[in-house]
PDB file of N, CA and C in Angstrom:
ATOM      1  N   GLN A   1      12.227  21.880 -93.170  1.00  0.00           N
ATOM      2  CA  GLN A   1      12.497  22.733 -92.149  1.00  0.00           C
ATOM      3  C   GLN A   1      13.885  23.212 -92.256  1.00  0.00           C
ATOM      4  N   VAL A   2      14.117  24.310 -92.063  1.00  0.00           N
ATOM      5  CA  VAL A   2      15.751  25.192 -92.100  1.00  0.00           C
ATOM      6  C   VAL A   2      15.956  24.833 -90.765  1.00  0.00           C
ATOM      7  N   GLN A   3      17.481  24.111 -90.936  1.00  0.00           N
ATOM      8  CA  GLN A   3      18.437  23.660 -90.081  1.00  0.00           C
ATOM      9  C   GLN A   3      19.752  23.483 -90.410  1.00  0.00           C
ATOM     10  N   LEU A   4      20.714  23.191 -89.569  1.00  0.00           N
ATOM     11  CA  LEU A   4      21.688  22.973 -89.684  1.00  0.00           C
ATOM     12  C   LEU A   4      21.989  21.594 -89.878  1.00  0.00           C
ATOM     13  N   VAL A   5      22.727  21.156 -91.045  1.00  0.00           N
ATOM     14  CA  VAL A   5      22.837  19.540 -90.977  1.00  0.00           C
ATOM     15  C   VAL A   5      24.235  19.281 -91.411  1.00  0.00           C
ATOM     16  N   GLU A   6      24.883  18.586 -90.422  1.00  0.00           N
ATOM     17  CA  GLU A   6      26.010  17.792 -90.456  1.00  0.00           C
ATOM     18  C   GLU A   6      26.276  16.508 -91.027  1.00  0.00           C
ATOM     19  N   SER A   7      27.365  16.208 -91.703  1.00  0.00           N
ATOM     20  CA  SER A   7      27.444  14.837 -92.000  1.00  0.00           C
ATOM     21  C   SER A   7      29.034  14.541 -92.368  1.00  0.00           C
ATOM     22  N   GLY A   8      29.163  13.074 -92.460  1.00  0.00           N
ATOM     23  CA  GLY A   8      30.458  12.770 -92.945  1.00  0.00           C
ATOM     24  C   GLY A   8      31.044  11.783 -91.567  1.00  0.00           C
ATOM     25  N   GLY A   9      30.182  11.463 -90.640  1.00  0.00           N
ATOM     26  CA  GLY A   9      30.801  10.972 -89.663  1.00  0.00           C
ATOM     27  C   GLY A   9      30.692   9.636 -89.792  1.00  0.00           C
ATOM     28  N   GLY A  10      31.416   8.655 -89.028  1.00  0.00           N
ATOM     29  CA  GLY A  10      31.238   7.099 -89.282  1.00  0.00           C
ATOM     30  C   GLY A  10      32.346   6.674 -88.041  1.00  0.00           C
ATOM     31  N   LEU A  11      32.650   5.404 -88.287  1.00  0.00           N
ATOM     32  CA  LEU A  11      33.654   4.326 -87.692  1.00  0.00           C
ATOM     33  C   LEU A  11      35.065   4.405 -88.324  1.00  0.00           C
ATOM     34  N   VAL A  12      35.886   4.800 -87.347  1.00  0.00           N
ATOM     35  CA  VAL A  12      37.416   4.729 -87.886  1.00  0.00           C
ATOM     36  C   VAL A  12      38.436   4.335 -86.818  1.00  0.00           C
ATOM     37  N   GLN A  13      39.456   3.553 -87.334  1.00  0.00           N
ATOM     38  CA  GLN A  13      40.509   3.100 -86.210  1.00  0.00           C
ATOM     39  C   GLN A  13      41.404   4.589 -85.981  1.00  0.00           C
ATOM     40  N   ALA A  14      41.902   4.232 -84.617  1.00  0.00           N
ATOM     41  CA  ALA A  14      42.548   5.252 -84.333  1.00  0.00           C
ATOM     42  C   ALA A  14      43.771   5.425 -85.236  1.00  0.00           C
ATOM     43  N   GLY A  15      44.260   6.759 -85.368  1.00  0.00           N
ATOM     44  CA  GLY A  15      45.178   7.228 -86.521  1.00  0.00           C
ATOM     45  C   GLY A  15      44.394   7.538 -87.658  1.00  0.00           C
ATOM     46  N   GLY A  16      43.301   7.126 -87.845  1.00  0.00           N
ATOM     47  CA  GLY A  16      42.613   7.513 -89.163  1.00  0.00           C
ATOM     48  C   GLY A  16      42.042   8.899 -89.199  1.00  0.00           C
ATOM     49  N   SER A  17      41.497   9.382 -90.453  1.00  0.00           N
ATOM     50  CA  SER A  17      40.882  10.344 -90.950  1.00  0.00           C
ATOM     51  C   SER A  17      39.668  10.285 -91.023  1.00  0.00           C
ATOM     52  N   LEU A  18      38.685  11.572 -90.979  1.00  0.00           N
ATOM     53  CA  LEU A  18      37.287  11.648 -91.510  1.00  0.00           C
ATOM     54  C   LEU A  18      37.240  13.257 -91.871  1.00  0.00           C
ATOM     55  N   ARG A  19      36.084  13.287 -92.475  1.00  0.00           N
ATOM     56  CA  ARG A  19      35.778  15.037 -92.815  1.00  0.00           C
ATOM     57  C   ARG A  19      34.568  15.066 -92.672  1.00  0.00           C
ATOM     58  N   LEU A  20      34.043  16.055 -91.858  1.00  0.00           N
ATOM     59  CA  LEU A  20      32.808  16.220 -91.506  1.00  0.00           C
ATOM     60  C   LEU A  20      32.332  17.665 -92.403  1.00  0.00           C
ATOM     61  N   SER A  21      31.173  17.563 -92.764  1.00  0.00           N
ATOM     62  CA  SER A  21      30.723  18.788 -93.389  1.00  0.00           C
ATOM     63  C   SER A  21      29.191  19.196 -92.864  1.00  0.00           C
ATOM     64  N   CYS A  22      29.047  20.696 -92.985  1.00  0.00           N
ATOM     65  CA  CYS A  22      27.791  21.027 -92.217  1.00  0.00           C
ATOM     66  C   CYS A  22      27.432  22.406 -93.272  1.00  0.00           C
ATOM     67  N   VAL A  23      26.063  21.943 -93.666  1.00  0.00           N
ATOM     68  CA  VAL A  23      25.516  22.911 -94.539  1.00  0.00           C
ATOM     69  C   VAL A  23      24.378  23.644 -93.668  1.00  0.00           C
ATOM     70  N   ALA A  24      24.788  24.824 -93.798  1.00  0.00           N
ATOM     71  CA  ALA A  24      23.850  25.981 -93.002  1.00  0.00           C
ATOM     72  C   ALA A  24      22.560  26.879 -93.899  1.00  0.00           C
ATOM     73  N   PRO A  25      21.759  27.385 -93.319  1.00  0.00           N
ATOM     74  CA  PRO A  25      21.141  28.253 -94.204  1.00  0.00           C
ATOM     75  C   PRO A  25      21.680  29.741 -94.198  1.00  0.00           C
ATOM     76  N   GLU A  26      21.657  30.164 -95.845  1.00  0.00           N
ATOM     77  CA  GLU A  26      22.212  31.292 -95.849  1.00  0.00           C
ATOM     78  C   GLU A  26      22.190  32.395 -94.708  1.00  0.00           C
ATOM     79  N   ASN A  27      21.078  32.797 -94.262  1.00  0.00           N
ATOM     80  CA  ASN A  27      21.021  33.791 -93.145  1.00  0.00           C
ATOM     81  C   ASN A  27      21.642  33.489 -91.896  1.00  0.00           C
ATOM     82  N   ILE A  28      22.097  32.025 -91.892  1.00  0.00           N
ATOM     83  CA  ILE A  28      22.884  32.019 -90.607  1.00  0.00           C
ATOM     84  C   ILE A  28      24.458  31.584 -90.863  1.00  0.00           C
ATOM     85  N   PHE A  29      24.623  31.518 -92.043  1.00  0.00           N
ATOM     86  CA  PHE A  29      26.169  31.046 -92.458  1.00  0.00           C
ATOM     87  C   PHE A  29      26.647  32.353 -92.792  1.00  0.00           C
ATOM     88  N   SER A  30      26.140  33.207 -93.650  1.00  0.00           N
ATOM     89  CA  SER A  30      26.569  34.132 -94.443  1.00  0.00           C
ATOM     90  C   SER A  30      26.999  35.381 -93.288  1.00  0.00           C
ATOM     91  N   GLY A  31      28.375  35.958 -93.334  1.00  0.00           N
ATOM     92  CA  GLY A  31      28.817  36.956 -92.627  1.00  0.00           C
ATOM     93  C   GLY A  31      29.103  36.561 -91.161  1.00  0.00           C
ATOM     94  N   ASN A  32      28.695  35.126 -90.718  1.00  0.00           N
ATOM     95  CA  ASN A  32      28.975  35.010 -89.309  1.00  0.00           C
ATOM     96  C   ASN A  32      30.062  33.885 -89.085  1.00  0.00           C
ATOM     97  N   ASP A  33      30.573  34.179 -87.934  1.00  0.00           N
ATOM     98  CA  ASP A  33      31.598  33.210 -87.341  1.00  0.00           C
ATOM     99  C   ASP A  33      30.702  31.763 -87.346  1.00  0.00           C
ATOM    100  N   MET A  34      31.600  30.690 -87.438  1.00  0.00           N
ATOM    101  CA  MET A  34      31.001  29.217 -87.426  1.00  0.00           C
ATOM    102  C   MET A  34      31.630  28.560 -86.732  1.00  0.00           C
ATOM    103  N   GLY A  35      31.208  27.543 -85.866  1.00  0.00           N
ATOM    104  CA  GLY A  35      32.175  26.688 -85.214  1.00  0.00           C
ATOM    105  C   GLY A  35      31.675  25.260 -85.164  1.00  0.00           C
ATOM    106  N   TRP A  36      32.754  24.793 -84.713  1.00  0.00           N
ATOM    107  CA  TRP A  36      32.353  22.750 -84.755  1.00  0.00           C
ATOM    108  C   TRP A  36      32.661  22.376 -83.074  1.00  0.00           C
ATOM    109  N   TYR A  37      31.189  21.879 -82.870  1.00  0.00           N
ATOM    110  CA  TYR A  37      31.561  21.253 -81.285  1.00  0.00           C
ATOM    111  C   TYR A  37      31.372  19.772 -81.400  1.00  0.00           C
ATOM    112  N   ARG A  38      31.509  19.335 -79.949  1.00  0.00           N
ATOM    113  CA  ARG A  38      31.181  17.846 -80.005  1.00  0.00           C
ATOM    114  C   ARG A  38      30.585  17.428 -78.647  1.00  0.00           C
ATOM    115  N   GLN A  39      29.699  16.316 -78.432  1.00  0.00           N
ATOM    116  CA  GLN A  39      29.272  15.882 -77.127  1.00  0.00           C
ATOM    117  C   GLN A  39      29.542  14.676 -76.904  1.00  0.00           C
ATOM    118  N   ALA A  40      30.151  14.362 -75.537  1.00  0.00           N
ATOM    119  CA  ALA A  40      30.295  13.014 -75.384  1.00  0.00           C
ATOM    120  C   ALA A  40      30.297  13.483 -73.885  1.00  0.00           C
ATOM    121  N   ARG A  41      29.920  12.208 -72.932  1.00  0.00           N
ATOM    122  CA  ARG A  41      29.788  12.044 -71.548  1.00  0.00           C
ATOM    123  C   ARG A  41      28.878  13.290 -71.196  1.00  0.00           C
ATOM    124  N   GLY A  42      28.002  13.590 -71.869  1.00  0.00           N
ATOM    125  CA  GLY A  42      26.706  14.249 -71.469  1.00  0.00           C
ATOM    126  C   GLY A  42      26.858  15.673 -71.408  1.00  0.00           C
ATOM    127  N   TYR A  43      28.035  16.352 -72.030  1.00  0.00           N
ATOM    128  CA  TYR A  43      27.794  17.896 -72.224  1.00  0.00           C
ATOM    129  C   TYR A  43      28.686  18.337 -73.618  1.00  0.00           C
ATOM    130  N   ARG A  44      28.233  19.331 -74.157  1.00  0.00           N
ATOM    131  CA  ARG A  44      28.846  19.906 -75.346  1.00  0.00           C
ATOM    132  C   ARG A  44      29.876  20.581 -75.384  1.00  0.00           C
ATOM    133  N   GLU A  45      31.047  20.409 -75.877  1.00  0.00           N
ATOM    134  CA  GLU A  45      32.438  21.210 -75.910  1.00  0.00           C
ATOM    135  C   GLU A  45      32.616  21.778 -77.219  1.00  0.00           C
ATOM    136  N   PHE A  46      33.108  23.118 -77.092  1.00  0.00           N
ATOM    137  CA  PHE A  46      33.552  23.928 -78.259  1.00  0.00           C
ATOM    138  C   PHE A  46      34.758  23.107 -78.576  1.00  0.00           C
ATOM    139  N   ILE A  47      35.227  22.972 -80.213  1.00  0.00           N
ATOM    140  CA  ILE A  47      36.314  22.491 -80.706  1.00  0.00           C
ATOM    141  C   ILE A  47      37.265  23.560 -81.771  1.00  0.00           C
ATOM    142  N   ALA A  48      36.454  24.122 -82.479  1.00  0.00           N
ATOM    143  CA  ALA A  48      37.014  24.868 -83.481  1.00  0.00           C
ATOM    144  C   ALA A  48      36.143  25.929 -83.993  1.00  0.00           C
ATOM    145  N   ARG A  49      36.499  27.151 -84.582  1.00  0.00           N
ATOM    146  CA  ARG A  49      35.856  28.493 -84.683  1.00  0.00           C
ATOM    147  C   ARG A  49      36.520  28.729 -86.024  1.00  0.00           C
ATOM    148  N   ILE A  50      35.617  29.162 -86.985  1.00  0.00           N
ATOM    149  CA  ILE A  50      36.406  29.985 -88.359  1.00  0.00           C
ATOM    150  C   ILE A  50      35.356  31.532 -88.244  1.00  0.00           C
ATOM    151  N   SER A  51      36.137  32.572 -88.722  1.00  0.00           N
ATOM    152  CA  SER A  51      35.336  33.624 -88.897  1.00  0.00           C
ATOM    153  C   SER A  51      34.707  33.599 -90.449  1.00  0.00           C
ATOM    154  N   SER A  52      34.038  34.565 -90.591  1.00  0.00           N
ATOM    155  CA  SER A  52      33.721  34.635 -91.901  1.00  0.00           C
ATOM    156  C   SER A  52      34.845  35.108 -92.906  1.00  0.00           C
ATOM    157  N   SER A  53      35.786  35.583 -92.673  1.00  0.00           N
ATOM    158  CA  SER A  53      36.927  35.907 -93.647  1.00  0.00           C
ATOM    159  C   SER A  53      37.968  34.878 -93.498  1.00  0.00           C
ATOM    160  N   GLY A  54      37.610  33.549 -92.675  1.00  0.00           N
ATOM    161  CA  GLY A  54      38.606  32.342 -92.591  1.00  0.00           C
ATOM    162  C   GLY A  54      39.605  32.495 -91.548  1.00  0.00           C
ATOM    163  N   ALA A  55      39.640  33.576 -90.437  1.00  0.00           N
ATOM    164  CA  ALA A  55      40.609  33.144 -89.656  1.00  0.00           C
ATOM    165  C   ALA A  55      40.022  31.891 -88.513  1.00  0.00           C
ATOM    166  N   THR A  56      40.906  31.251 -88.263  1.00  0.00           N
ATOM    167  CA  THR A  56      40.634  29.898 -87.202  1.00  0.00           C
ATOM    168  C   THR A  56      41.294  30.069 -85.912  1.00  0.00           C
ATOM    169  N   TYR A  57      40.399  29.411 -85.090  1.00  0.00           N
ATOM    170  CA  TYR A  57      41.055  29.168 -83.652  1.00  0.00           C
ATOM    171  C   TYR A  57      40.302  27.609 -83.345  1.00  0.00           C
ATOM    172  N   TYR A  58      41.487  27.139 -82.676  1.00  0.00           N
ATOM    173  CA  TYR A  58      41.246  25.550 -82.090  1.00  0.00           C
ATOM    174  C   TYR A  58      41.305  25.568 -80.600  1.00  0.00           C
ATOM    175  N   ASP A  59      40.608  24.724 -80.135  1.00  0.00           N
ATOM    176  CA  ASP A  59      40.927  24.189 -78.695  1.00  0.00           C
ATOM    177  C   ASP A  59      42.138  23.109 -78.747  1.00  0.00           C
ATOM    178  N   ASP A  60      42.870  23.366 -77.620  1.00  0.00           N
ATOM    179  CA  ASP A  60      44.149  22.472 -77.570  1.00  0.00           C
ATOM    180  C   ASP A  60      43.804  21.238 -77.957  1.00  0.00           C
ATOM    181  N   SER A  61      43.072  20.547 -77.641  1.00  0.00           N
ATOM    182  CA  SER A  61      42.569  19.122 -77.774  1.00  0.00           C
ATOM    183  C   SER A  61      42.490  18.655 -79.105  1.00  0.00           C
ATOM    184  N   VAL A  62      42.499  19.702 -80.204  1.00  0.00           N
ATOM    185  CA  VAL A  62      42.334  19.134 -81.586  1.00  0.00           C
ATOM    186  C   VAL A  62      43.405  20.148 -82.194  1.00  0.00           C
ATOM    187  N   LYS A  63      44.190  20.673 -81.753  1.00  0.00           N
ATOM    188  CA  LYS A  63      45.025  21.859 -82.497  1.00  0.00           C
ATOM    189  C   LYS A  63      45.972  20.631 -82.912  1.00  0.00           C
ATOM    190  N   GLY A  64      46.544  21.137 -84.272  1.00  0.00           N
ATOM    191  CA  GLY A  64      47.418  20.267 -84.961  1.00  0.00           C
ATOM    192  C   GLY A  64      46.866  19.199 -85.583  1.00  0.00           C
ATOM    193  N   ARG A  65      45.648  18.740 -85.158  1.00  0.00           N
ATOM    194  CA  ARG A  65      44.882  17.567 -85.783  1.00  0.00           C
ATOM    195  C   ARG A  65      43.875  17.789 -86.832  1.00  0.00           C
ATOM    196  N   PHE A  66      43.076  18.866 -86.243  1.00  0.00           N
ATOM    197  CA  PHE A  66      41.853  18.841 -86.981  1.00  0.00           C
ATOM    198  C   PHE A  66      42.214  20.369 -87.806  1.00  0.00           C
ATOM    199  N   THR A  67      41.281  20.548 -88.977  1.00  0.00           N
ATOM    200  CA  THR A  67      41.465  21.737 -89.721  1.00  0.00           C
ATOM    201  C   THR A  67      39.896  22.086 -90.037  1.00  0.00           C
ATOM    202  N   ILE A  68      39.646  23.273 -89.898  1.00  0.00           N
ATOM    203  CA  ILE A  68      38.338  24.082 -90.024  1.00  0.00           C
ATOM    204  C   ILE A  68      38.685  24.846 -91.196  1.00  0.00           C
ATOM    205  N   SER A  69      37.455  24.789 -92.056  1.00  0.00           N
ATOM    206  CA  SER A  69      37.463  25.454 -93.403  1.00  0.00           C
ATOM    207  C   SER A  69      35.948  25.736 -93.611  1.00  0.00           C
ATOM    208  N   ARG A  70      35.715  26.585 -94.864  1.00  0.00           N
ATOM    209  CA  ARG A  70      34.163  26.847 -95.108  1.00  0.00           C
ATOM    210  C   ARG A  70      34.411  27.347 -96.625  1.00  0.00           C
ATOM    211  N   ASP A  71      33.415  27.053 -97.207  1.00  0.00           N
ATOM    212  CA  ASP A  71      33.064  27.411 -98.714  1.00  0.00           C
ATOM    213  C   ASP A  71      31.642  28.499 -98.488  1.00  0.00           C
ATOM    214  N   ASN A  72      32.166  29.828 -98.493  1.00  0.00           N
ATOM    215  CA  ASN A  72      31.174  30.600 -98.424  1.00  0.00           C
ATOM    216  C   ASN A  72      29.937  30.575 -99.663  1.00  0.00           C
ATOM    217  N   ALA A  73      30.355  30.176-100.816  1.00  0.00           N
ATOM    218  CA  ALA A  73      29.501  30.166-102.084  1.00  0.00           C
ATOM    219  C   ALA A  73      28.652  28.856-101.590  1.00  0.00           C
ATOM    220  N   LYS A  74      29.084  27.671-101.084  1.00  0.00           N
ATOM    221  CA  LYS A  74      28.150  26.846-100.650  1.00  0.00           C
ATOM    222  C   LYS A  74      27.326  26.562 -99.377  1.00  0.00           C
ATOM    223  N   LYS A  75      27.938  27.751 -98.620  1.00  0.00           N
ATOM    224  CA  LYS A  75      27.075  27.746 -97.371  1.00  0.00           C
ATOM    225  C   LYS A  75      27.373  26.420 -96.639  1.00  0.00           C
ATOM    226  N   THR A  76      28.874  26.017 -96.698  1.00  0.00           N
ATOM    227  CA  THR A  76      28.999  24.884 -96.002  1.00  0.00           C
ATOM    228  C   THR A  76      30.500  24.855 -95.270  1.00  0.00           C
ATOM    229  N   MET A  77      30.347  24.545 -94.495  1.00  0.00           N
ATOM    230  CA  MET A  77      31.955  24.493 -93.395  1.00  0.00           C
ATOM    231  C   MET A  77      32.076  22.910 -93.310  1.00  0.00           C
ATOM    232  N   TYR A  78      33.489  22.631 -93.207  1.00  0.00           N
ATOM    233  CA  TYR A  78      33.973  21.462 -93.218  1.00  0.00           C
ATOM    234  C   TYR A  78      34.945  21.430 -91.943  1.00  0.00           C
ATOM    235  N   LEU A  79      35.293  19.941 -91.428  1.00  0.00           N
ATOM    236  CA  LEU A  79      36.211  19.762 -90.374  1.00  0.00           C
ATOM    237  C   LEU A  79      36.731  18.820 -91.014  1.00  0.00           C
ATOM    238  N   GLN A  80      38.205  18.755 -91.082  1.00  0.00           N
ATOM    239  CA  GLN A  80      39.083  17.747 -91.468  1.00  0.00           C
ATOM    240  C   GLN A  80      39.819  17.153 -90.256  1.00  0.00           C
ATOM    241  N   MET A  81      39.396  15.822 -90.098  1.00  0.00           N
ATOM    242  CA  MET A  81      40.133  15.506 -88.647  1.00  0.00           C
ATOM    243  C   MET A  81      41.017  14.386 -89.250  1.00  0.00           C
ATOM    244  N   SER A  82      42.471  14.298 -88.426  1.00  0.00           N
ATOM    245  CA  SER A  82      43.450  13.345 -88.812  1.00  0.00           C
ATOM    246  C   SER A  82      44.000  12.800 -87.398  1.00  0.00           C
ATOM    247  N   SER A  83      44.875  11.922 -87.474  1.00  0.00           N
ATOM    248  CA  SER A  83      45.284  11.315 -86.081  1.00  0.00           C
ATOM    249  C   SER A  83      44.125  11.226 -85.101  1.00  0.00           C
ATOM    250  N   LEU A  84      43.345  10.645 -85.622  1.00  0.00           N
ATOM    251  CA  LEU A  84      41.898  10.403 -84.568  1.00  0.00           C
ATOM    252  C   LEU A  84      42.159   9.569 -83.310  1.00  0.00           C
ATOM    253  N   LYS A  85      41.574   9.687 -82.121  1.00  0.00           N
ATOM    254  CA  LYS A  85      42.134   9.055 -81.078  1.00  0.00           C
ATOM    255  C   LYS A  85      40.923   8.544 -80.667  1.00  0.00           C
ATOM    256  N   PRO A  86      40.878   7.364 -79.717  1.00  0.00           N
ATOM    257  CA  PRO A  86      39.430   7.216 -79.165  1.00  0.00           C
ATOM    258  C   PRO A  86      38.636   8.208 -78.409  1.00  0.00           C
ATOM    259  N   ALA A  87      39.340   8.898 -77.807  1.00  0.00           N
ATOM    260  CA  ALA A  87      38.804  10.306 -76.943  1.00  0.00           C
ATOM    261  C   ALA A  87      38.238  11.104 -77.862  1.00  0.00           C
ATOM    262  N   ASP A  88      38.492  11.048 -79.225  1.00  0.00           N
ATOM    263  CA  ASP A  88      37.487  12.015 -80.063  1.00  0.00           C
ATOM    264  C   ASP A  88      36.102  11.272 -80.296  1.00  0.00           C
ATOM    265  N   THR A  89      35.667  10.197 -79.844  1.00  0.00           N
ATOM    266  CA  THR A  89      34.577   9.581 -80.183  1.00  0.00           C
ATOM    267  C   THR A  89      33.686  10.632 -79.503  1.00  0.00           C
ATOM    268  N   ALA A  90      32.499  11.056 -80.349  1.00  0.00           N
ATOM    269  CA  ALA A  90      31.426  11.943 -79.831  1.00  0.00           C
ATOM    270  C   ALA A  90      30.479  12.294 -81.075  1.00  0.00           C
ATOM    271  N   VAL A  91      29.289  13.037 -80.569  1.00  0.00           N
ATOM    272  CA  VAL A  91      28.539  13.527 -81.613  1.00  0.00           C
ATOM    273  C   VAL A  91      29.050  14.584 -81.970  1.00  0.00           C
ATOM    274  N   TYR A  92      29.304  15.156 -83.105  1.00  0.00           N
ATOM    275  CA  TYR A  92      29.883  16.248 -83.671  1.00  0.00           C
ATOM    276  C   TYR A  92      28.580  17.085 -83.982  1.00  0.00           C
ATOM    277  N   TYR A  93      28.616  18.413 -83.810  1.00  0.00           N
ATOM    278  CA  TYR A  93      27.759  19.599 -84.073  1.00  0.00           C
ATOM    279  C   TYR A  93      28.542  20.568 -84.836  1.00  0.00           C
ATOM    280  N   CYS A  94      27.783  21.496 -85.674  1.00  0.00           N
ATOM    281  CA  CYS A  94      28.272  22.668 -86.210  1.00  0.00           C
ATOM    282  C   CYS A  94      27.200  23.710 -85.738  1.00  0.00           C
ATOM    283  N   ASN A  95      27.598  25.011 -85.549  1.00  0.00           N
ATOM    284  CA  ASN A  95      26.573  25.990 -85.362  1.00  0.00           C
ATOM    285  C   ASN A  95      27.375  27.047 -85.755  1.00  0.00           C
ATOM    286  N   ARG A  96      26.265  28.543 -85.900  1.00  0.00           N
ATOM    287  CA  ARG A  96      26.798  29.962 -85.756  1.00  0.00           C
ATOM    288  C   ARG A  96      27.229  30.201 -84.374  1.00  0.00           C
ATOM    289  N   ILE A  97      28.223  31.236 -84.465  1.00  0.00           N
ATOM    290  CA  ILE A  97      28.553  31.848 -83.357  1.00  0.00           C
ATOM    291  C   ILE A  97      28.202  33.237 -83.100  1.00  0.00           C
ATOM    292  N   PRO A  98      27.274  33.782 -82.383  1.00  0.00           N
ATOM    293  CA  PRO A  98      26.614  32.646 -81.205  1.00  0.00           C
ATOM    294  C   PRO A  98      25.718  31.842 -81.939  1.00  0.00           C
ATOM    295  N   ASN A  99      25.249  30.856 -81.041  1.00  0.00           N
ATOM    296  CA  ASN A  99      24.837  29.829 -81.425  1.00  0.00           C
ATOM    297  C   ASN A  99      23.177  29.851 -82.064  1.00  0.00           C
ATOM    298  N   TRP A 100      22.775  29.220 -82.552  1.00  0.00           N
ATOM    299  CA  TRP A 100      21.358  29.016 -83.237  1.00  0.00           C
ATOM    300  C   TRP A 100      20.797  27.799 -82.937  1.00  0.00           C
ATOM    301  N   THR A 101      19.877  27.222 -83.225  1.00  0.00           N
ATOM    302  CA  THR A 101      19.257  26.081 -83.225  1.00  0.00           C
ATOM    303  C   THR A 101      20.376  24.878 -83.537  1.00  0.00           C
ATOM    304  N   TRP A 102      20.179  23.684 -82.760  1.00  0.00           N
ATOM    305  CA  TRP A 102      21.035  22.795 -83.052  1.00  0.00           C
ATOM    306  C   TRP A 102      20.412  21.959 -83.865  1.00  0.00           C
ATOM    307  N   GLY A 103      21.543  21.289 -84.919  1.00  0.00           N
ATOM    308  CA  GLY A 103      20.982  20.307 -85.719  1.00  0.00           C
ATOM    309  C   GLY A 103      21.197  18.952 -85.022  1.00  0.00           C
ATOM    310  N   GLN A 104      21.135  17.685 -85.868  1.00  0.00           N
ATOM    311  CA  GLN A 104      21.177  16.539 -85.269  1.00  0.00           C
ATOM    312  C   GLN A 104      22.440  15.915 -85.066  1.00  0.00           C
ATOM    313  N   GLY A 105      23.488  16.564 -85.602  1.00  0.00           N
ATOM    314  CA  GLY A 105      24.961  16.229 -85.459  1.00  0.00           C
ATOM    315  C   GLY A 105      24.941  14.973 -86.310  1.00  0.00           C
ATOM    316  N   THR A 106      26.408  14.364 -86.161  1.00  0.00           N
ATOM    317  CA  THR A 106      27.032  13.250 -86.822  1.00  0.00           C
ATOM    318  C   THR A 106      27.990  12.555 -85.646  1.00  0.00           C
ATOM    319  N   GLN A 107      27.652  11.222 -85.611  1.00  0.00           N
ATOM    320  CA  GLN A 107      28.429  10.370 -84.881  1.00  0.00           C
ATOM    321  C   GLN A 107      29.655  10.087 -85.353  1.00  0.00           C
ATOM    322  N   VAL A 108      30.702  10.359 -84.647  1.00  0.00           N
ATOM    323  CA  VAL A 108      32.093   9.758 -85.151  1.00  0.00           C
ATOM    324  C   VAL A 108      32.509   8.818 -83.884  1.00  0.00           C
ATOM    325  N   THR A 109      33.016   7.748 -84.360  1.00  0.00           N
ATOM    326  CA  THR A 109      33.625   6.444 -83.354  1.00  0.00           C
ATOM    327  C   THR A 109      34.944   6.231 -83.669  1.00  0.00           C
ATOM    328  N   VAL A 110      35.748   6.359 -82.900  1.00  0.00           N
ATOM    329  CA  VAL A 110      37.132   5.954 -82.999  1.00  0.00           C
ATOM    330  C   VAL A 110      37.422   4.724 -82.442  1.00  0.00           C
ATOM    331  N   SER A 111      37.983   3.690 -83.058  1.00  0.00           N
ATOM    332  CA  SER A 111      38.277   2.434 -82.285  1.00  0.00           C
ATOM    333  C   SER A 111      39.668   2.231 -82.111  1.00  0.00           C
ATOM    334  N   ALA A 112      40.066   1.770 -81.089  1.00  0.00           N
ATOM    335  CA  ALA A 112      41.413   1.629 -80.371  1.00  0.00           C
ATOM    336  C   ALA A 112      42.086   0.573 -81.589  1.00  0.00           C
TER     337      ALA A 112
END
């Protein structure tokens, strides 16, 4: 089944780092803006966006701590997360912008 596949989540202590990956089908990834989202407390929020040419935009909640990037040849997007806080605990999702079908997400848990 063709879908978005997120990976790289896990349990980390506050102040630590994780790198998330997102593999997308070519027709979804190529030439499109892509974004990272997270869901905790029942709603999904946008956190970062990258254009097909590499321009980036971040929500204030992660600016300066998270870095979004993409490898167009591999149809893969990344989210390097540093200085993690317990408030970053959530299920993280990637998607095309505008959104396509959601994947399963990857759980990130940050302990105090």
